[in-house]
Amino acid sequence: MDAGSEKRQLEERYGAWTAHNIRLGDGLYALGPEPAGDEVKLRRVVQVVADLFGRVEGLRVLDLACLEGMYAIELARRGAQAVAIEGREANLEKARFAARAVGVEVDFRQGDVRDLSRAGHGEFDVVLCLGILYHLAAEDVFPFVERMAEVCKRALVIDTAVSLSGKEEQQHEGHAYSGETLFEHDPDASEEARLKAVWSSLDNPTAFALTAPSLLRLLARAGFTSVYQCWVPAEPGKTPDRVTLVALKGDPVDGLVTPAPPTGVDEVPERPPLAATLPRSSMWKIARVAAPRRLRRKLRQLLGAETRHH
């Protein structure tokens, strides 16, 4: 059977592709010849991995909740040893077909990413957590990040929605994290209906989206020594509540030539000090100069501003 006929049969059984516009052969695409899905994000993720390691070939990569397999397939095409986990049979069958059509080998596994473990899956140079974190319930999101850290040897790439309000709080191992509850499924929806909702969780009716600072603290406490937000390659359509983060594992630096910093590495403030949010207008500058020194010192302490020496 040719690739076009097999693709039509898959679509008749499982529905059309949703986001991963993979080139399946001459003139044959999962979605079409024009950009129509996650092409921009694919460029960003592959560039990040290539820049971090100076290569893709030979890396062991894990793609969590891989959807239709595009990221794992692209990295495998460039020489990575790719493992991909997906909970929905429909997505997995499309991904396996696409890998065959492209001519690459990917170890696709049907399973729940919440069951991730070093014992069951091994360790990876790169772990991809793309579009899944904010679909997990509050009781799952914290141990899931810790499990990703357990299997990650070097780099974790997260693309996720974050809460901009942080109007709710969750506790985990004695630490408070801010975020908000998101809708996933009608509580009365059947298992079949939940599986068909491919842009939602596997089963939990609600999810918990962390704020960016809370997610950063969670990553630091899980063992990542530095975390960066990716801006380039650009994703022009990215909204303020969506971020791409790269969390790295390394050796914590110590023995600085200055006194030790007053806070731990995981103490990212939920909100910046008030002084950092005030506009540096002329009135503010005049007030700083005109106020008595003792008052200025008290204001700095109150606003959380630090004295800077140049």
C-alpha atoms as a PDB file:
ATOM      1  CA  MET A   1       0.000   0.000   0.000  1.00  0.00           C
ATOM      2  CA  ASP A   2       1.362   3.445  -0.876  1.00  0.00           C
ATOM      3  CA  ALA A   3       1.756   6.158   1.775  1.00  0.00           C
ATOM      4  CA  GLY A   4      -1.173   8.213   0.470  1.00  0.00           C
ATOM      5  CA  SER A   5      -3.591   5.308   0.720  1.00  0.00           C
ATOM      6  CA  GLU A   6      -2.359   4.359   4.187  1.00  0.00           C
ATOM      7  CA  LYS A   7      -2.759   7.965   5.335  1.00  0.00           C
ATOM      8  CA  ARG A   8      -6.362   8.051   4.078  1.00  0.00           C
ATOM      9  CA  GLN A   9      -7.149   4.822   5.914  1.00  0.00           C
ATOM     10  CA  LEU A  10      -5.672   6.202   9.146  1.00  0.00           C
ATOM     11  CA  GLU A  11      -7.711   9.387   8.822  1.00  0.00           C
ATOM     12  CA  GLU A  12     -10.890   7.422   8.190  1.00  0.00           C
ATOM     13  CA  ARG A  13     -10.300   5.437  11.358  1.00  0.00           C
ATOM     14  CA  TYR A  14      -8.762   8.031  13.682  1.00  0.00           C
ATOM     15  CA  GLY A  15      -9.548  11.427  12.171  1.00  0.00           C
ATOM     16  CA  ALA A  16      -7.321  14.013  10.536  1.00  0.00           C
ATOM     17  CA  TRP A  17      -3.931  15.149  11.832  1.00  0.00           C
ATOM     18  CA  THR A  18      -4.235  18.001  14.314  1.00  0.00           C
ATOM     19  CA  ALA A  19      -0.910  19.885  14.533  1.00  0.00           C
ATOM     20  CA  HIS A  20       2.143  17.931  13.378  1.00  0.00           C
ATOM     21  CA  ASN A  21       2.498  18.745   9.698  1.00  0.00           C
ATOM     22  CA  ILE A  22       5.086  16.123   8.749  1.00  0.00           C
ATOM     23  CA  ARG A  23       6.349  15.763   5.168  1.00  0.00           C
ATOM     24  CA  LEU A  24       5.506  12.128   4.458  1.00  0.00           C
ATOM     25  CA  GLY A  25       6.843  11.893   0.903  1.00  0.00           C
ATOM     26  CA  ASP A  26       6.930  13.729  -2.412  1.00  0.00           C
ATOM     27  CA  GLY A  27       3.935  16.084  -2.313  1.00  0.00           C
ATOM     28  CA  LEU A  28       2.402  14.286   0.673  1.00  0.00           C
ATOM     29  CA  TYR A  29       2.020  16.076   4.002  1.00  0.00           C
ATOM     30  CA  ALA A  30       0.151  15.280   7.191  1.00  0.00           C
ATOM     31  CA  LEU A  31      -1.726  18.599   6.953  1.00  0.00           C
ATOM     32  CA  GLY A  32      -0.670  20.241   3.700  1.00  0.00           C
ATOM     33  CA  PRO A  33       2.211  21.911   1.824  1.00  0.00           C
ATOM     34  CA  GLU A  34       1.764  25.257   3.642  1.00  0.00           C
ATOM     35  CA  PRO A  35       2.706  25.817   7.313  1.00  0.00           C
ATOM     36  CA  ALA A  36      -0.334  24.774   9.307  1.00  0.00           C
ATOM     37  CA  GLY A  37       0.719  23.486  12.715  1.00  0.00           C
ATOM     38  CA  ASP A  38       3.735  23.439  15.015  1.00  0.00           C
ATOM     39  CA  GLU A  39       6.412  24.144  12.398  1.00  0.00           C
ATOM     40  CA  VAL A  40       7.662  27.268  14.212  1.00  0.00           C
ATOM     41  CA  LYS A  41       7.942  25.454  17.524  1.00  0.00           C
ATOM     42  CA  LEU A  42       9.720  22.526  15.869  1.00  0.00           C
ATOM     43  CA  ARG A  43      12.395  24.889  14.556  1.00  0.00           C
ATOM     44  CA  ARG A  44      12.827  26.363  18.045  1.00  0.00           C
ATOM     45  CA  VAL A  45      13.127  23.000  19.807  1.00  0.00           C
ATOM     46  CA  VAL A  46      15.573  21.490  17.303  1.00  0.00           C
ATOM     47  CA  GLN A  47      17.728  24.631  17.317  1.00  0.00           C
ATOM     48  CA  VAL A  48      17.853  24.658  21.131  1.00  0.00           C
ATOM     49  CA  VAL A  49      18.956  21.020  21.261  1.00  0.00           C
ATOM     50  CA  ALA A  50      21.559  21.493  18.512  1.00  0.00           C
ATOM     51  CA  ASP A  51      22.954  24.627  20.158  1.00  0.00           C
ATOM     52  CA  LEU A  52      23.151  23.074  23.621  1.00  0.00           C
ATOM     53  CA  PHE A  53      25.048  19.977  22.533  1.00  0.00           C
ATOM     54  CA  GLY A  54      26.680  21.070  19.296  1.00  0.00           C
ATOM     55  CA  ARG A  55      25.033  18.097  17.669  1.00  0.00           C
ATOM     56  CA  VAL A  56      21.865  15.977  17.652  1.00  0.00           C
ATOM     57  CA  GLU A  57      23.398  12.711  16.472  1.00  0.00           C
ATOM     58  CA  GLY A  58      23.864  10.175  19.244  1.00  0.00           C
ATOM     59  CA  LEU A  59      21.752  11.979  21.834  1.00  0.00           C
ATOM     60  CA  ARG A  60      19.178   9.960  23.736  1.00  0.00           C
ATOM     61  CA  VAL A  61      15.945  11.974  23.605  1.00  0.00           C
ATOM     62  CA  LEU A  62      12.611  11.452  25.346  1.00  0.00           C
ATOM     63  CA  ASP A  63       9.453  13.073  23.932  1.00  0.00           C
ATOM     64  CA  LEU A  64       6.662  13.063  26.528  1.00  0.00           C
ATOM     65  CA  ALA A  65       3.028  13.028  25.339  1.00  0.00           C
ATOM     66  CA  CYS A  66       4.376  13.112  21.788  1.00  0.00           C
ATOM     67  CA  LEU A  67       0.992  13.638  20.061  1.00  0.00           C
ATOM     68  CA  GLU A  68       1.596  12.725  16.385  1.00  0.00           C
ATOM     69  CA  GLY A  69       5.338  12.286  16.807  1.00  0.00           C
ATOM     70  CA  MET A  70       6.822  15.216  14.886  1.00  0.00           C
ATOM     71  CA  TYR A  71       9.511  16.232  17.404  1.00  0.00           C
ATOM     72  CA  ALA A  72      10.759  12.697  18.001  1.00  0.00           C
ATOM     73  CA  ILE A  73      10.743  11.964  14.259  1.00  0.00           C
ATOM     74  CA  GLU A  74      12.698  15.128  13.410  1.00  0.00           C
ATOM     75  CA  LEU A  75      15.346  14.473  16.055  1.00  0.00           C
ATOM     76  CA  ALA A  76      15.605  10.815  15.005  1.00  0.00           C
ATOM     77  CA  ARG A  77      16.044  11.969  11.402  1.00  0.00           C
ATOM     78  CA  ARG A  78      19.059  13.944  12.628  1.00  0.00           C
ATOM     79  CA  GLY A  79      20.586  10.929  14.364  1.00  0.00           C
ATOM     80  CA  ALA A  80      19.110  10.973  17.868  1.00  0.00           C
ATOM     81  CA  GLN A  81      17.989   7.825  19.663  1.00  0.00           C
ATOM     82  CA  ALA A  82      14.389   8.878  20.242  1.00  0.00           C
ATOM     83  CA  VAL A  83      11.872   7.416  22.664  1.00  0.00           C
ATOM     84  CA  ALA A  84       8.331   8.832  22.610  1.00  0.00           C
ATOM     85  CA  ILE A  85       5.467   8.195  25.034  1.00  0.00           C
ATOM     86  CA  GLU A  86       1.840   8.841  24.082  1.00  0.00           C
ATOM     87  CA  GLY A  87      -1.375   7.898  25.832  1.00  0.00           C
ATOM     88  CA  ARG A  88      -3.765   7.895  22.887  1.00  0.00           C
ATOM     89  CA  GLU A  89      -3.800   5.075  20.345  1.00  0.00           C
ATOM     90  CA  ALA A  90      -4.969   7.396  17.545  1.00  0.00           C
ATOM     91  CA  ASN A  91      -1.969   9.684  17.937  1.00  0.00           C
ATOM     92  CA  LEU A  92       0.420   6.768  18.274  1.00  0.00           C
ATOM     93  CA  GLU A  93      -0.751   5.050  15.080  1.00  0.00           C
ATOM     94  CA  LYS A  94      -0.301   8.282  13.118  1.00  0.00           C
ATOM     95  CA  ALA A  95       3.151   8.769  14.624  1.00  0.00           C
ATOM     96  CA  ARG A  96       4.263   5.238  13.773  1.00  0.00           C
ATOM     97  CA  PHE A  97       3.008   5.608  10.206  1.00  0.00           C
ATOM     98  CA  ALA A  98       4.803   8.962   9.840  1.00  0.00           C
ATOM     99  CA  ALA A  99       8.076   7.487  11.100  1.00  0.00           C
ATOM    100  CA  ARG A 100       7.828   4.677   8.550  1.00  0.00           C
ATOM    101  CA  ALA A 101       7.035   7.149   5.776  1.00  0.00           C
ATOM    102  CA  VAL A 102      10.012   9.350   6.698  1.00  0.00           C
ATOM    103  CA  GLY A 103      12.241   6.285   7.064  1.00  0.00           C
ATOM    104  CA  VAL A 104      13.381   6.676  10.676  1.00  0.00           C
ATOM    105  CA  GLU A 105      13.213   4.545  13.788  1.00  0.00           C
ATOM    106  CA  VAL A 106      11.537   5.891  16.902  1.00  0.00           C
ATOM    107  CA  ASP A 107      10.726   3.836  19.977  1.00  0.00           C
ATOM    108  CA  PHE A 108       7.056   4.789  20.324  1.00  0.00           C
ATOM    109  CA  ARG A 109       5.427   3.561  23.529  1.00  0.00           C
ATOM    110  CA  GLN A 110       1.787   3.807  24.543  1.00  0.00           C
ATOM    111  CA  GLY A 111       1.554   4.828  28.172  1.00  0.00           C
ATOM    112  CA  ASP A 112       0.784   7.481  30.753  1.00  0.00           C
ATOM    113  CA  VAL A 113       3.584  10.022  31.201  1.00  0.00           C
ATOM    114  CA  ARG A 114       2.698  10.184  34.892  1.00  0.00           C
ATOM    115  CA  ASP A 115       4.221   6.703  35.204  1.00  0.00           C
ATOM    116  CA  LEU A 116       7.625   7.963  34.063  1.00  0.00           C
ATOM    117  CA  SER A 117      10.582   6.526  35.999  1.00  0.00           C
ATOM    118  CA  ARG A 118      14.285   5.855  35.592  1.00  0.00           C
ATOM    119  CA  ALA A 119      13.706   2.166  36.261  1.00  0.00           C
ATOM    120  CA  GLY A 120      11.085   1.888  33.525  1.00  0.00           C
ATOM    121  CA  HIS A 121      12.500   4.241  30.901  1.00  0.00           C
ATOM    122  CA  GLY A 122      16.187   4.866  31.602  1.00  0.00           C
ATOM    123  CA  GLU A 123      18.021   8.195  31.402  1.00  0.00           C
ATOM    124  CA  PHE A 124      18.089  10.765  28.622  1.00  0.00           C
ATOM    125  CA  ASP A 125      20.333  13.588  27.473  1.00  0.00           C
ATOM    126  CA  VAL A 126      17.256  15.587  26.484  1.00  0.00           C
ATOM    127  CA  VAL A 127      13.685  15.420  27.770  1.00  0.00           C
ATOM    128  CA  LEU A 128      10.919  17.215  25.859  1.00  0.00           C
ATOM    129  CA  CYS A 129       7.827  18.283  27.787  1.00  0.00           C
ATOM    130  CA  LEU A 130       5.884  20.158  25.120  1.00  0.00           C
ATOM    131  CA  GLY A 131       2.287  21.162  25.722  1.00  0.00           C
ATOM    132  CA  ILE A 132       1.612  18.701  28.538  1.00  0.00           C
ATOM    133  CA  LEU A 133       2.528  20.244  31.905  1.00  0.00           C
ATOM    134  CA  TYR A 134      -0.529  22.496  32.170  1.00  0.00           C
ATOM    135  CA  HIS A 135      -2.839  19.561  31.416  1.00  0.00           C
ATOM    136  CA  LEU A 136      -1.941  17.778  34.674  1.00  0.00           C
ATOM    137  CA  ALA A 137      -3.930  17.946  37.887  1.00  0.00           C
ATOM    138  CA  ALA A 138      -2.396  19.675  40.902  1.00  0.00           C
ATOM    139  CA  GLU A 139      -1.626  16.368  42.627  1.00  0.00           C
ATOM    140  CA  ASP A 140       0.242  15.155  39.524  1.00  0.00           C
ATOM    141  CA  VAL A 141       2.172  18.193  38.292  1.00  0.00           C
ATOM    142  CA  PHE A 142       4.661  18.292  41.185  1.00  0.00           C
ATOM    143  CA  PRO A 143       5.740  14.621  41.169  1.00  0.00           C
ATOM    144  CA  PHE A 144       5.789  14.700  37.365  1.00  0.00           C
ATOM    145  CA  VAL A 145       8.413  17.470  37.324  1.00  0.00           C
ATOM    146  CA  GLU A 146      10.443  15.487  39.854  1.00  0.00           C
ATOM    147  CA  ARG A 147      10.193  12.371  37.667  1.00  0.00           C
ATOM    148  CA  MET A 148      11.364  14.298  34.636  1.00  0.00           C
ATOM    149  CA  ALA A 149      14.353  15.450  36.676  1.00  0.00           C
ATOM    150  CA  GLU A 150      15.011  11.824  37.672  1.00  0.00           C
ATOM    151  CA  VAL A 151      15.385  10.650  34.051  1.00  0.00           C
ATOM    152  CA  CYS A 152      17.039  13.821  32.691  1.00  0.00           C
ATOM    153  CA  LYS A 153      20.828  13.822  32.557  1.00  0.00           C
ATOM    154  CA  ARG A 154      21.335  17.272  31.073  1.00  0.00           C
ATOM    155  CA  ALA A 155      18.521  19.286  29.422  1.00  0.00           C
ATOM    156  CA  LEU A 156      14.762  19.542  29.903  1.00  0.00           C
ATOM    157  CA  VAL A 157      12.838  21.592  27.327  1.00  0.00           C
ATOM    158  CA  ILE A 158       9.411  22.703  28.536  1.00  0.00           C
ATOM    159  CA  ASP A 159       6.827  24.495  26.435  1.00  0.00           C
ATOM    160  CA  THR A 160       3.806  25.284  28.565  1.00  0.00           C
ATOM    161  CA  ALA A 161       1.054  27.692  29.446  1.00  0.00           C
ATOM    162  CA  VAL A 162       1.605  29.523  32.734  1.00  0.00           C
ATOM    163  CA  SER A 163      -0.838  31.280  34.987  1.00  0.00           C
ATOM    164  CA  LEU A 164      -0.611  35.069  34.878  1.00  0.00           C
ATOM    165  CA  SER A 165      -2.886  35.556  37.876  1.00  0.00           C
ATOM    166  CA  GLY A 166      -1.600  33.018  40.406  1.00  0.00           C
ATOM    167  CA  LYS A 167      -4.878  33.380  42.275  1.00  0.00           C
ATOM    168  CA  GLU A 168      -4.695  29.920  43.856  1.00  0.00           C
ATOM    169  CA  GLU A 169      -2.066  28.207  45.976  1.00  0.00           C
ATOM    170  CA  GLN A 170      -0.950  24.596  46.277  1.00  0.00           C
ATOM    171  CA  GLN A 171       1.405  23.080  48.840  1.00  0.00           C
ATOM    172  CA  HIS A 172       4.048  20.498  48.007  1.00  0.00           C
ATOM    173  CA  GLU A 173       6.628  19.194  50.471  1.00  0.00           C
ATOM    174  CA  GLY A 174       6.337  22.249  52.664  1.00  0.00           C
ATOM    175  CA  HIS A 175       6.554  24.811  49.848  1.00  0.00           C
ATOM    176  CA  ALA A 176       3.797  27.026  48.449  1.00  0.00           C
ATOM    177  CA  TYR A 177       3.212  27.313  44.689  1.00  0.00           C
ATOM    178  CA  SER A 178       0.865  29.709  42.921  1.00  0.00           C
ATOM    179  CA  GLY A 179      -1.248  29.036  39.865  1.00  0.00           C
ATOM    180  CA  GLU A 180      -4.814  28.487  38.750  1.00  0.00           C
ATOM    181  CA  THR A 181      -7.171  25.624  37.999  1.00  0.00           C
ATOM    182  CA  LEU A 182      -8.019  24.979  34.338  1.00  0.00           C
ATOM    183  CA  PHE A 183     -10.906  23.035  32.805  1.00  0.00           C
ATOM    184  CA  GLU A 184     -10.045  19.795  30.980  1.00  0.00           C
ATOM    185  CA  HIS A 185     -13.164  17.601  30.757  1.00  0.00           C
ATOM    186  CA  ASP A 186     -16.761  17.555  31.869  1.00  0.00           C
ATOM    187  CA  PRO A 187     -16.681  15.454  35.071  1.00  0.00           C
ATOM    188  CA  ASP A 188     -19.447  13.275  33.588  1.00  0.00           C
ATOM    189  CA  ALA A 189     -17.672  12.694  30.264  1.00  0.00           C
ATOM    190  CA  SER A 190     -17.092   9.054  29.337  1.00  0.00           C
ATOM    191  CA  GLU A 191     -13.632   7.543  28.927  1.00  0.00           C
ATOM    192  CA  GLU A 192     -14.229   7.365  25.175  1.00  0.00           C
ATOM    193  CA  ALA A 193     -15.105  11.075  25.024  1.00  0.00           C
ATOM    194  CA  ARG A 194     -12.008  12.011  27.013  1.00  0.00           C
ATOM    195  CA  LEU A 195      -9.751   9.988  24.730  1.00  0.00           C
ATOM    196  CA  LYS A 196     -11.231  11.710  21.675  1.00  0.00           C
ATOM    197  CA  ALA A 197     -10.479  15.135  23.176  1.00  0.00           C
ATOM    198  CA  VAL A 198      -6.872  15.047  21.956  1.00  0.00           C
ATOM    199  CA  TRP A 199      -6.079  18.588  23.153  1.00  0.00           C
ATOM    200  CA  SER A 200      -6.979  17.741  26.748  1.00  0.00           C
ATOM    201  CA  SER A 201      -5.710  15.472  29.510  1.00  0.00           C
ATOM    202  CA  LEU A 202      -6.139  11.715  29.411  1.00  0.00           C
ATOM    203  CA  ASP A 203      -8.593  11.603  32.293  1.00  0.00           C
ATOM    204  CA  ASN A 204      -8.378  14.356  34.951  1.00  0.00           C
ATOM    205  CA  PRO A 205     -11.293  16.844  34.657  1.00  0.00           C
ATOM    206  CA  THR A 206      -9.192  19.796  35.839  1.00  0.00           C
ATOM    207  CA  ALA A 207      -5.544  20.821  35.609  1.00  0.00           C
ATOM    208  CA  PHE A 208      -3.302  23.216  37.525  1.00  0.00           C
ATOM    209  CA  ALA A 209      -1.209  25.768  35.627  1.00  0.00           C
ATOM    210  CA  LEU A 210       1.684  27.115  37.679  1.00  0.00           C
ATOM    211  CA  THR A 211       2.869  30.707  37.482  1.00  0.00           C
ATOM    212  CA  ALA A 212       6.270  31.102  35.834  1.00  0.00           C
ATOM    213  CA  PRO A 213       8.054  31.911  39.151  1.00  0.00           C
ATOM    214  CA  SER A 214       6.468  28.901  40.855  1.00  0.00           C
ATOM    215  CA  LEU A 215       7.526  26.641  37.999  1.00  0.00           C
ATOM    216  CA  LEU A 216      11.074  27.991  38.220  1.00  0.00           C
ATOM    217  CA  ARG A 217      11.223  27.266  41.962  1.00  0.00           C
ATOM    218  CA  LEU A 218       9.890  23.755  41.376  1.00  0.00           C
ATOM    219  CA  LEU A 219      12.536  23.085  38.731  1.00  0.00           C
ATOM    220  CA  ALA A 220      15.311  24.349  41.010  1.00  0.00           C
ATOM    221  CA  ARG A 221      14.118  22.182  43.881  1.00  0.00           C
ATOM    222  CA  ALA A 222      13.990  19.194  41.511  1.00  0.00           C
ATOM    223  CA  GLY A 223      17.724  19.551  40.866  1.00  0.00           C
ATOM    224  CA  PHE A 224      18.107  21.796  37.825  1.00  0.00           C
ATOM    225  CA  THR A 225      20.936  24.284  38.345  1.00  0.00           C
ATOM    226  CA  SER A 226      19.885  26.886  35.768  1.00  0.00           C
ATOM    227  CA  VAL A 227      16.753  27.662  33.764  1.00  0.00           C
ATOM    228  CA  TYR A 228      16.463  29.891  30.681  1.00  0.00           C
ATOM    229  CA  GLN A 229      13.572  31.234  28.655  1.00  0.00           C
ATOM    230  CA  CYS A 230      13.925  30.887  24.895  1.00  0.00           C
ATOM    231  CA  TRP A 231      13.036  33.880  22.717  1.00  0.00           C
ATOM    232  CA  VAL A 232      14.961  33.011  19.541  1.00  0.00           C
ATOM    233  CA  PRO A 233      14.171  31.238  17.237  1.00  0.00           C
ATOM    234  CA  ALA A 234      11.074  33.391  17.445  1.00  0.00           C
ATOM    235  CA  GLU A 235       7.497  32.248  17.787  1.00  0.00           C
ATOM    236  CA  PRO A 236       5.671  35.416  16.688  1.00  0.00           C
ATOM    237  CA  GLY A 237       2.240  34.125  17.677  1.00  0.00           C
ATOM    238  CA  LYS A 238       3.200  33.170  21.235  1.00  0.00           C
ATOM    239  CA  THR A 239       0.943  34.732  23.860  1.00  0.00           C
ATOM    240  CA  PRO A 240       2.194  36.147  27.203  1.00  0.00           C
ATOM    241  CA  ASP A 241       0.887  33.118  29.082  1.00  0.00           C
ATOM    242  CA  ARG A 242       2.987  30.657  27.047  1.00  0.00           C
ATOM    243  CA  VAL A 243       6.721  30.087  27.551  1.00  0.00           C
ATOM    244  CA  THR A 244       9.532  27.860  26.343  1.00  0.00           C
ATOM    245  CA  LEU A 245      11.963  27.078  29.155  1.00  0.00           C
ATOM    246  CA  VAL A 246      15.256  25.194  29.033  1.00  0.00           C
ATOM    247  CA  ALA A 247      16.265  23.683  32.380  1.00  0.00           C
ATOM    248  CA  LEU A 248      19.831  22.389  32.693  1.00  0.00           C
ATOM    249  CA  LYS A 249      21.514  20.046  35.132  1.00  0.00           C
ATOM    250  CA  GLY A 250      25.047  20.902  36.157  1.00  0.00           C
ATOM    251  CA  ASP A 251      27.281  21.327  39.191  1.00  0.00           C
ATOM    252  CA  PRO A 252      26.193  24.138  41.524  1.00  0.00           C
ATOM    253  CA  VAL A 253      28.823  26.864  41.658  1.00  0.00           C
ATOM    254  CA  ASP A 254      30.347  27.700  45.027  1.00  0.00           C
ATOM    255  CA  GLY A 255      33.251  29.580  46.536  1.00  0.00           C
ATOM    256  CA  LEU A 256      32.435  32.983  45.044  1.00  0.00           C
ATOM    257  CA  VAL A 257      34.817  35.914  45.573  1.00  0.00           C
ATOM    258  CA  THR A 258      31.933  37.787  47.203  1.00  0.00           C
ATOM    259  CA  PRO A 259      29.973  36.961  50.375  1.00  0.00           C
ATOM    260  CA  ALA A 260      27.457  34.173  49.873  1.00  0.00           C
ATOM    261  CA  PRO A 261      24.113  35.340  48.422  1.00  0.00           C
ATOM    262  CA  PRO A 262      21.444  35.753  51.106  1.00  0.00           C
ATOM    263  CA  THR A 263      18.903  33.394  49.518  1.00  0.00           C
ATOM    264  CA  GLY A 264      18.924  29.854  48.193  1.00  0.00           C
ATOM    265  CA  VAL A 265      19.062  29.062  44.492  1.00  0.00           C
ATOM    266  CA  ASP A 266      15.381  28.111  44.488  1.00  0.00           C
ATOM    267  CA  GLU A 267      14.051  31.358  45.949  1.00  0.00           C
ATOM    268  CA  VAL A 268      12.612  32.965  42.827  1.00  0.00           C
ATOM    269  CA  PRO A 269      10.157  35.620  44.095  1.00  0.00           C
ATOM    270  CA  GLU A 270       6.544  35.202  43.046  1.00  0.00           C
ATOM    271  CA  ARG A 271       6.456  38.949  42.352  1.00  0.00           C
ATOM    272  CA  PRO A 272       9.373  41.373  41.932  1.00  0.00           C
ATOM    273  CA  PRO A 273      10.067  43.993  44.623  1.00  0.00           C
ATOM    274  CA  LEU A 274       7.804  47.015  44.356  1.00  0.00           C
ATOM    275  CA  ALA A 275      10.710  49.258  43.397  1.00  0.00           C
ATOM    276  CA  ALA A 276      11.371  47.133  40.316  1.00  0.00           C
ATOM    277  CA  THR A 277       7.841  47.794  39.047  1.00  0.00           C
ATOM    278  CA  LEU A 278       7.814  51.588  39.528  1.00  0.00           C
ATOM    279  CA  PRO A 279       8.479  53.735  36.467  1.00  0.00           C
ATOM    280  CA  ARG A 280      11.709  55.700  36.631  1.00  0.00           C
ATOM    281  CA  SER A 281       9.977  58.982  35.960  1.00  0.00           C
ATOM    282  CA  SER A 282      11.389  62.413  36.625  1.00  0.00           C
ATOM    283  CA  MET A 283       9.207  62.770  39.725  1.00  0.00           C
ATOM    284  CA  TRP A 284      10.652  59.552  41.183  1.00  0.00           C
ATOM    285  CA  LYS A 285      14.206  60.722  40.518  1.00  0.00           C
ATOM    286  CA  ILE A 286      13.520  64.121  42.112  1.00  0.00           C
ATOM    287  CA  ALA A 287      11.960  62.474  45.174  1.00  0.00           C
ATOM    288  CA  ARG A 288      15.013  60.262  45.623  1.00  0.00           C
ATOM    289  CA  VAL A 289      17.307  63.267  45.603  1.00  0.00           C
ATOM    290  CA  ALA A 290      15.096  65.556  47.708  1.00  0.00           C
ATOM    291  CA  ALA A 291      14.285  63.085  50.471  1.00  0.00           C
ATOM    292  CA  PRO A 292      16.589  62.975  53.516  1.00  0.00           C
ATOM    293  CA  ARG A 293      19.143  60.139  53.506  1.00  0.00           C
ATOM    294  CA  ARG A 294      17.477  58.280  56.401  1.00  0.00           C
ATOM    295  CA  LEU A 295      14.125  58.437  54.627  1.00  0.00           C
ATOM    296  CA  ARG A 296      15.676  57.228  51.376  1.00  0.00           C
ATOM    297  CA  ARG A 297      17.224  54.277  53.239  1.00  0.00           C
ATOM    298  CA  LYS A 298      13.859  53.397  54.782  1.00  0.00           C
ATOM    299  CA  LEU A 299      12.163  53.653  51.400  1.00  0.00           C
ATOM    300  CA  ARG A 300      14.722  51.314  49.849  1.00  0.00           C
ATOM    301  CA  GLN A 301      14.141  48.773  52.622  1.00  0.00           C
ATOM    302  CA  LEU A 302      10.365  49.079  52.284  1.00  0.00           C
ATOM    303  CA  LEU A 303      10.378  48.726  48.489  1.00  0.00           C
ATOM    304  CA  GLY A 304      12.965  45.948  48.376  1.00  0.00           C
ATOM    305  CA  ALA A 305      15.389  48.048  46.357  1.00  0.00           C
ATOM    306  CA  GLU A 306      19.071  47.256  46.672  1.00  0.00           C
ATOM    307  CA  THR A 307      21.923  49.741  46.720  1.00  0.00           C
ATOM    308  CA  ARG A 308      23.998  49.233  43.582  1.00  0.00           C
ATOM    309  CA  HIS A 309      27.675  50.063  43.313  1.00  0.00           C
ATOM    310  CA  HIS A 310      29.236  50.665  39.908  1.00  0.00           C
END
